Amino acid sequence: MGNSIQSARFLIESRLRDAARGDMQALYDLGVAYSCGVSGVDIDLIEAHKWFNLSAVAGSEEAQACRAEISEEMTAREIAEAQRQARAWLSLNRRAAA
């Protein structure tokens, strides 16, 4: 059990570092991790939508399709929260890069 938690933490931390540098694939990978529960990551559709949204904004057509797919399983309130979190992440990372 501890190993899968460490594995999940490593996956997320390494992808977050790349995402903060604007890596579209890292943003997409985070969406996949949260939508599918990859490597011991808990499924979280709000987090998944946030990362797919960020990847889609960066130009990923694959992320656009995934975002649309999981949106069908989410409430309007959950989608609004995911969008709010995506805007907050963008705002925070723009400030950090400046």
N, C-alpha and C. Protein backbone atom coordinates (compact mmCIF):
# COMPACT_ATOMS: atom_id res chain seq x y z
N MET A 1 0.83 -1.20 0.00
CA MET A 1 0.00 0.00 0.00
C MET A 1 0.87 1.25 0.00
N GLY A 2 1.88 1.30 0.86
CA GLY A 2 2.76 2.45 0.92
C GLY A 2 3.44 2.71 -0.41
N ASN A 3 3.79 1.61 -1.12
CA ASN A 3 4.46 1.76 -2.41
C ASN A 3 3.58 2.44 -3.44
N SER A 4 2.29 2.08 -3.48
CA SER A 4 1.42 2.70 -4.47
C SER A 4 1.20 4.17 -4.15
N ILE A 5 1.17 4.52 -2.87
CA ILE A 5 1.04 5.94 -2.49
C ILE A 5 2.29 6.70 -2.90
N GLN A 6 3.46 6.11 -2.68
CA GLN A 6 4.71 6.76 -3.10
C GLN A 6 4.76 6.89 -4.62
N SER A 7 4.33 5.85 -5.30
CA SER A 7 4.32 5.86 -6.76
C SER A 7 3.39 6.96 -7.27
N ALA A 8 2.20 7.07 -6.69
CA ALA A 8 1.24 8.09 -7.08
C ALA A 8 1.81 9.48 -6.82
N ARG A 9 2.41 9.66 -5.64
CA ARG A 9 2.97 10.96 -5.28
C ARG A 9 4.09 11.35 -6.25
N PHE A 10 4.96 10.38 -6.59
CA PHE A 10 6.06 10.66 -7.52
C PHE A 10 5.51 11.04 -8.89
N LEU A 11 4.54 10.27 -9.38
CA LEU A 11 3.94 10.56 -10.68
C LEU A 11 3.37 11.98 -10.70
N ILE A 12 2.59 12.32 -9.71
CA ILE A 12 1.94 13.63 -9.66
C ILE A 12 2.99 14.74 -9.54
N GLU A 13 3.95 14.57 -8.63
CA GLU A 13 4.95 15.62 -8.44
C GLU A 13 5.79 15.85 -9.68
N SER A 14 6.19 14.79 -10.36
CA SER A 14 7.01 14.96 -11.56
C SER A 14 6.20 15.60 -12.68
N ARG A 15 4.96 15.20 -12.83
CA ARG A 15 4.11 15.79 -13.87
C ARG A 15 3.75 17.25 -13.54
N LEU A 16 3.57 17.56 -12.25
CA LEU A 16 3.28 18.94 -11.86
C LEU A 16 4.44 19.86 -12.20
N ARG A 17 5.66 19.38 -11.97
CA ARG A 17 6.84 20.20 -12.32
C ARG A 17 6.86 20.51 -13.81
N ASP A 18 6.59 19.49 -14.63
CA ASP A 18 6.57 19.68 -16.08
C ASP A 18 5.38 20.57 -16.49
N ALA A 19 4.24 20.37 -15.84
CA ALA A 19 3.05 21.18 -16.16
C ALA A 19 3.31 22.65 -15.86
N ALA A 20 4.00 22.92 -14.78
CA ALA A 20 4.30 24.31 -14.41
C ALA A 20 5.17 24.99 -15.46
N ARG A 21 5.91 24.19 -16.22
CA ARG A 21 6.73 24.74 -17.31
C ARG A 21 5.93 24.84 -18.62
N GLY A 22 4.63 24.51 -18.55
CA GLY A 22 3.78 24.62 -19.73
C GLY A 22 3.79 23.39 -20.62
N ASP A 23 4.21 22.26 -20.10
CA ASP A 23 4.27 21.02 -20.88
C ASP A 23 2.85 20.47 -21.08
N MET A 24 2.34 20.59 -22.32
CA MET A 24 0.98 20.17 -22.63
C MET A 24 0.78 18.68 -22.33
N GLN A 25 1.77 17.84 -22.60
CA GLN A 25 1.65 16.41 -22.35
C GLN A 25 1.54 16.13 -20.85
N ALA A 26 2.27 16.89 -20.04
CA ALA A 26 2.19 16.71 -18.58
C ALA A 26 0.79 17.08 -18.08
N LEU A 27 0.24 18.15 -18.62
CA LEU A 27 -1.12 18.56 -18.24
C LEU A 27 -2.11 17.44 -18.60
N TYR A 28 -1.94 16.88 -19.79
CA TYR A 28 -2.81 15.79 -20.25
C TYR A 28 -2.62 14.55 -19.36
N ASP A 29 -1.37 14.22 -19.06
CA ASP A 29 -1.08 13.05 -18.22
C ASP A 29 -1.73 13.16 -16.85
N LEU A 30 -1.74 14.37 -16.29
CA LEU A 30 -2.39 14.58 -15.00
C LEU A 30 -3.90 14.34 -15.13
N GLY A 31 -4.48 14.79 -16.23
CA GLY A 31 -5.91 14.52 -16.46
C GLY A 31 -6.19 13.04 -16.53
N VAL A 32 -5.35 12.31 -17.23
CA VAL A 32 -5.51 10.86 -17.33
C VAL A 32 -5.37 10.20 -15.96
N ALA A 33 -4.36 10.62 -15.22
CA ALA A 33 -4.11 10.03 -13.89
C ALA A 33 -5.34 10.18 -13.00
N TYR A 34 -5.93 11.38 -12.98
CA TYR A 34 -7.09 11.61 -12.12
C TYR A 34 -8.38 11.02 -12.68
N SER A 35 -8.49 10.86 -13.98
CA SER A 35 -9.74 10.31 -14.53
C SER A 35 -9.76 8.79 -14.47
N CYS A 36 -8.59 8.17 -14.50
CA CYS A 36 -8.52 6.69 -14.54
C CYS A 36 -7.99 6.07 -13.25
N GLY A 37 -7.43 6.87 -12.37
CA GLY A 37 -6.84 6.32 -11.15
C GLY A 37 -5.53 5.61 -11.43
N VAL A 38 -4.72 6.15 -12.34
CA VAL A 38 -3.45 5.54 -12.72
C VAL A 38 -2.45 5.57 -11.56
N SER A 39 -1.67 4.51 -11.43
CA SER A 39 -0.57 4.42 -10.46
C SER A 39 -0.97 4.73 -9.03
N GLY A 40 -2.18 4.32 -8.66
CA GLY A 40 -2.59 4.52 -7.28
C GLY A 40 -3.16 5.90 -6.98
N VAL A 41 -3.30 6.73 -7.99
CA VAL A 41 -3.91 8.05 -7.81
C VAL A 41 -5.42 7.85 -7.65
N ASP A 42 -6.02 8.52 -6.68
CA ASP A 42 -7.47 8.42 -6.51
C ASP A 42 -8.18 9.11 -7.67
N ILE A 43 -9.25 8.49 -8.16
CA ILE A 43 -10.04 9.11 -9.23
C ILE A 43 -10.71 10.37 -8.67
N ASP A 44 -10.56 11.46 -9.39
CA ASP A 44 -11.12 12.75 -8.99
C ASP A 44 -11.48 13.49 -10.29
N LEU A 45 -12.76 13.47 -10.65
CA LEU A 45 -13.17 14.03 -11.93
C LEU A 45 -13.00 15.55 -12.00
N ILE A 46 -13.11 16.23 -10.86
CA ILE A 46 -12.88 17.69 -10.86
C ILE A 46 -11.42 17.96 -11.21
N GLU A 47 -10.50 17.25 -10.57
CA GLU A 47 -9.07 17.40 -10.89
C GLU A 47 -8.80 17.00 -12.33
N ALA A 48 -9.39 15.90 -12.77
CA ALA A 48 -9.18 15.44 -14.14
C ALA A 48 -9.64 16.50 -15.14
N HIS A 49 -10.83 17.05 -14.92
CA HIS A 49 -11.38 18.07 -15.81
C HIS A 49 -10.46 19.28 -15.83
N LYS A 50 -9.97 19.68 -14.66
CA LYS A 50 -9.07 20.83 -14.57
C LYS A 50 -7.85 20.62 -15.46
N TRP A 51 -7.20 19.47 -15.34
CA TRP A 51 -5.97 19.22 -16.10
C TRP A 51 -6.25 19.04 -17.59
N PHE A 52 -7.35 18.35 -17.93
CA PHE A 52 -7.72 18.24 -19.35
C PHE A 52 -8.02 19.63 -19.92
N ASN A 53 -8.68 20.46 -19.14
CA ASN A 53 -9.00 21.81 -19.58
C ASN A 53 -7.72 22.60 -19.86
N LEU A 54 -6.77 22.54 -18.94
CA LEU A 54 -5.49 23.25 -19.12
C LEU A 54 -4.74 22.73 -20.34
N SER A 55 -4.75 21.42 -20.54
CA SER A 55 -4.09 20.84 -21.70
C SER A 55 -4.80 21.24 -22.99
N ALA A 56 -6.13 21.28 -22.95
CA ALA A 56 -6.91 21.70 -24.12
C ALA A 56 -6.60 23.15 -24.47
N VAL A 57 -6.51 24.01 -23.46
CA VAL A 57 -6.18 25.42 -23.69
C VAL A 57 -4.79 25.53 -24.32
N ALA A 58 -3.89 24.61 -23.95
CA ALA A 58 -2.54 24.61 -24.51
C ALA A 58 -2.51 24.03 -25.92
N GLY A 59 -3.66 23.49 -26.39
CA GLY A 59 -3.74 23.04 -27.78
C GLY A 59 -3.96 21.56 -28.00
N SER A 60 -4.16 20.79 -26.95
CA SER A 60 -4.35 19.34 -27.11
C SER A 60 -5.79 19.00 -27.50
N GLU A 61 -5.94 18.47 -28.71
CA GLU A 61 -7.27 18.03 -29.15
C GLU A 61 -7.72 16.78 -28.38
N GLU A 62 -6.75 15.94 -28.03
CA GLU A 62 -7.04 14.74 -27.24
C GLU A 62 -7.63 15.13 -25.89
N ALA A 63 -7.06 16.16 -25.28
CA ALA A 63 -7.55 16.63 -23.98
C ALA A 63 -8.96 17.20 -24.12
N GLN A 64 -9.24 17.88 -25.23
CA GLN A 64 -10.58 18.41 -25.46
C GLN A 64 -11.60 17.28 -25.48
N ALA A 65 -11.25 16.19 -26.15
CA ALA A 65 -12.16 15.04 -26.24
C ALA A 65 -12.36 14.40 -24.86
N CYS A 66 -11.28 14.25 -24.11
CA CYS A 66 -11.37 13.64 -22.77
C CYS A 66 -12.19 14.53 -21.83
N ARG A 67 -11.97 15.83 -21.92
CA ARG A 67 -12.72 16.78 -21.08
C ARG A 67 -14.21 16.65 -21.37
N ALA A 68 -14.57 16.58 -22.65
CA ALA A 68 -15.98 16.45 -23.03
C ALA A 68 -16.56 15.14 -22.50
N GLU A 69 -15.77 14.09 -22.59
CA GLU A 69 -16.23 12.77 -22.15
C GLU A 69 -16.51 12.74 -20.65
N ILE A 70 -15.59 13.25 -19.84
CA ILE A 70 -15.83 13.19 -18.38
C ILE A 70 -16.87 14.22 -17.94
N SER A 71 -17.05 15.28 -18.74
CA SER A 71 -18.07 16.29 -18.40
C SER A 71 -19.46 15.66 -18.32
N GLU A 72 -19.67 14.61 -19.12
CA GLU A 72 -20.96 13.93 -19.13
C GLU A 72 -21.26 13.24 -17.80
N GLU A 73 -20.22 12.95 -17.02
CA GLU A 73 -20.39 12.28 -15.74
C GLU A 73 -20.38 13.26 -14.57
N MET A 74 -20.27 14.55 -14.86
CA MET A 74 -20.13 15.56 -13.82
C MET A 74 -21.36 16.47 -13.75
N THR A 75 -21.59 17.04 -12.57
CA THR A 75 -22.67 18.03 -12.44
C THR A 75 -22.14 19.39 -12.92
N ALA A 76 -23.06 20.30 -13.18
CA ALA A 76 -22.67 21.65 -13.60
C ALA A 76 -21.82 22.31 -12.51
N ARG A 77 -22.14 22.06 -11.27
CA ARG A 77 -21.37 22.64 -10.14
C ARG A 77 -19.94 22.09 -10.13
N GLU A 78 -19.79 20.79 -10.37
CA GLU A 78 -18.45 20.19 -10.42
C GLU A 78 -17.62 20.77 -11.57
N ILE A 79 -18.25 20.94 -12.72
CA ILE A 79 -17.55 21.52 -13.87
C ILE A 79 -17.13 22.95 -13.58
N ALA A 80 -18.03 23.72 -12.96
CA ALA A 80 -17.70 25.11 -12.61
C ALA A 80 -16.52 25.15 -11.64
N GLU A 81 -16.50 24.22 -10.69
CA GLU A 81 -15.38 24.17 -9.73
C GLU A 81 -14.08 23.81 -10.44
N ALA A 82 -14.14 22.87 -11.36
CA ALA A 82 -12.94 22.48 -12.13
C ALA A 82 -12.43 23.67 -12.93
N GLN A 83 -13.34 24.42 -13.53
CA GLN A 83 -12.93 25.60 -14.32
C GLN A 83 -12.33 26.67 -13.42
N ARG A 84 -12.90 26.84 -12.23
CA ARG A 84 -12.36 27.81 -11.28
C ARG A 84 -10.94 27.42 -10.88
N GLN A 85 -10.75 26.13 -10.60
CA GLN A 85 -9.42 25.65 -10.21
C GLN A 85 -8.41 25.80 -11.35
N ALA A 86 -8.85 25.58 -12.59
CA ALA A 86 -7.95 25.74 -13.73
C ALA A 86 -7.52 27.20 -13.87
N ARG A 87 -8.47 28.14 -13.72
CA ARG A 87 -8.12 29.56 -13.80
C ARG A 87 -7.15 29.94 -12.68
N ALA A 88 -7.40 29.42 -11.48
CA ALA A 88 -6.52 29.72 -10.34
C ALA A 88 -5.11 29.19 -10.60
N TRP A 89 -5.03 27.98 -11.16
CA TRP A 89 -3.71 27.38 -11.44
C TRP A 89 -2.97 28.20 -12.49
N LEU A 90 -3.69 28.62 -13.54
CA LEU A 90 -3.07 29.44 -14.58
C LEU A 90 -2.57 30.76 -14.00
N SER A 91 -3.39 31.39 -13.20
CA SER A 91 -3.04 32.66 -12.59
C SER A 91 -1.80 32.52 -11.70
N LEU A 92 -1.78 31.48 -10.90
CA LEU A 92 -0.65 31.23 -9.99
C LEU A 92 0.63 30.96 -10.78
N ASN A 93 0.54 30.17 -11.84
CA ASN A 93 1.73 29.83 -12.60
C ASN A 93 2.22 30.97 -13.47
N ARG A 94 1.34 31.83 -13.93
CA ARG A 94 1.79 33.01 -14.67
C ARG A 94 2.58 33.92 -13.76
N ARG A 95 2.09 34.08 -12.51
CA ARG A 95 2.78 34.92 -11.53
C ARG A 95 4.15 34.35 -11.19
N ALA A 96 4.21 33.03 -11.04
CA ALA A 96 5.47 32.36 -10.69
C ALA A 96 6.49 32.48 -11.82
N ALA A 97 6.01 32.47 -13.06
CA ALA A 97 6.90 32.55 -14.22
C ALA A 97 7.38 33.97 -14.48
N ALA A 98 6.63 34.96 -14.00
CA ALA A 98 6.97 36.37 -14.25
C ALA A 98 8.15 36.83 -13.42
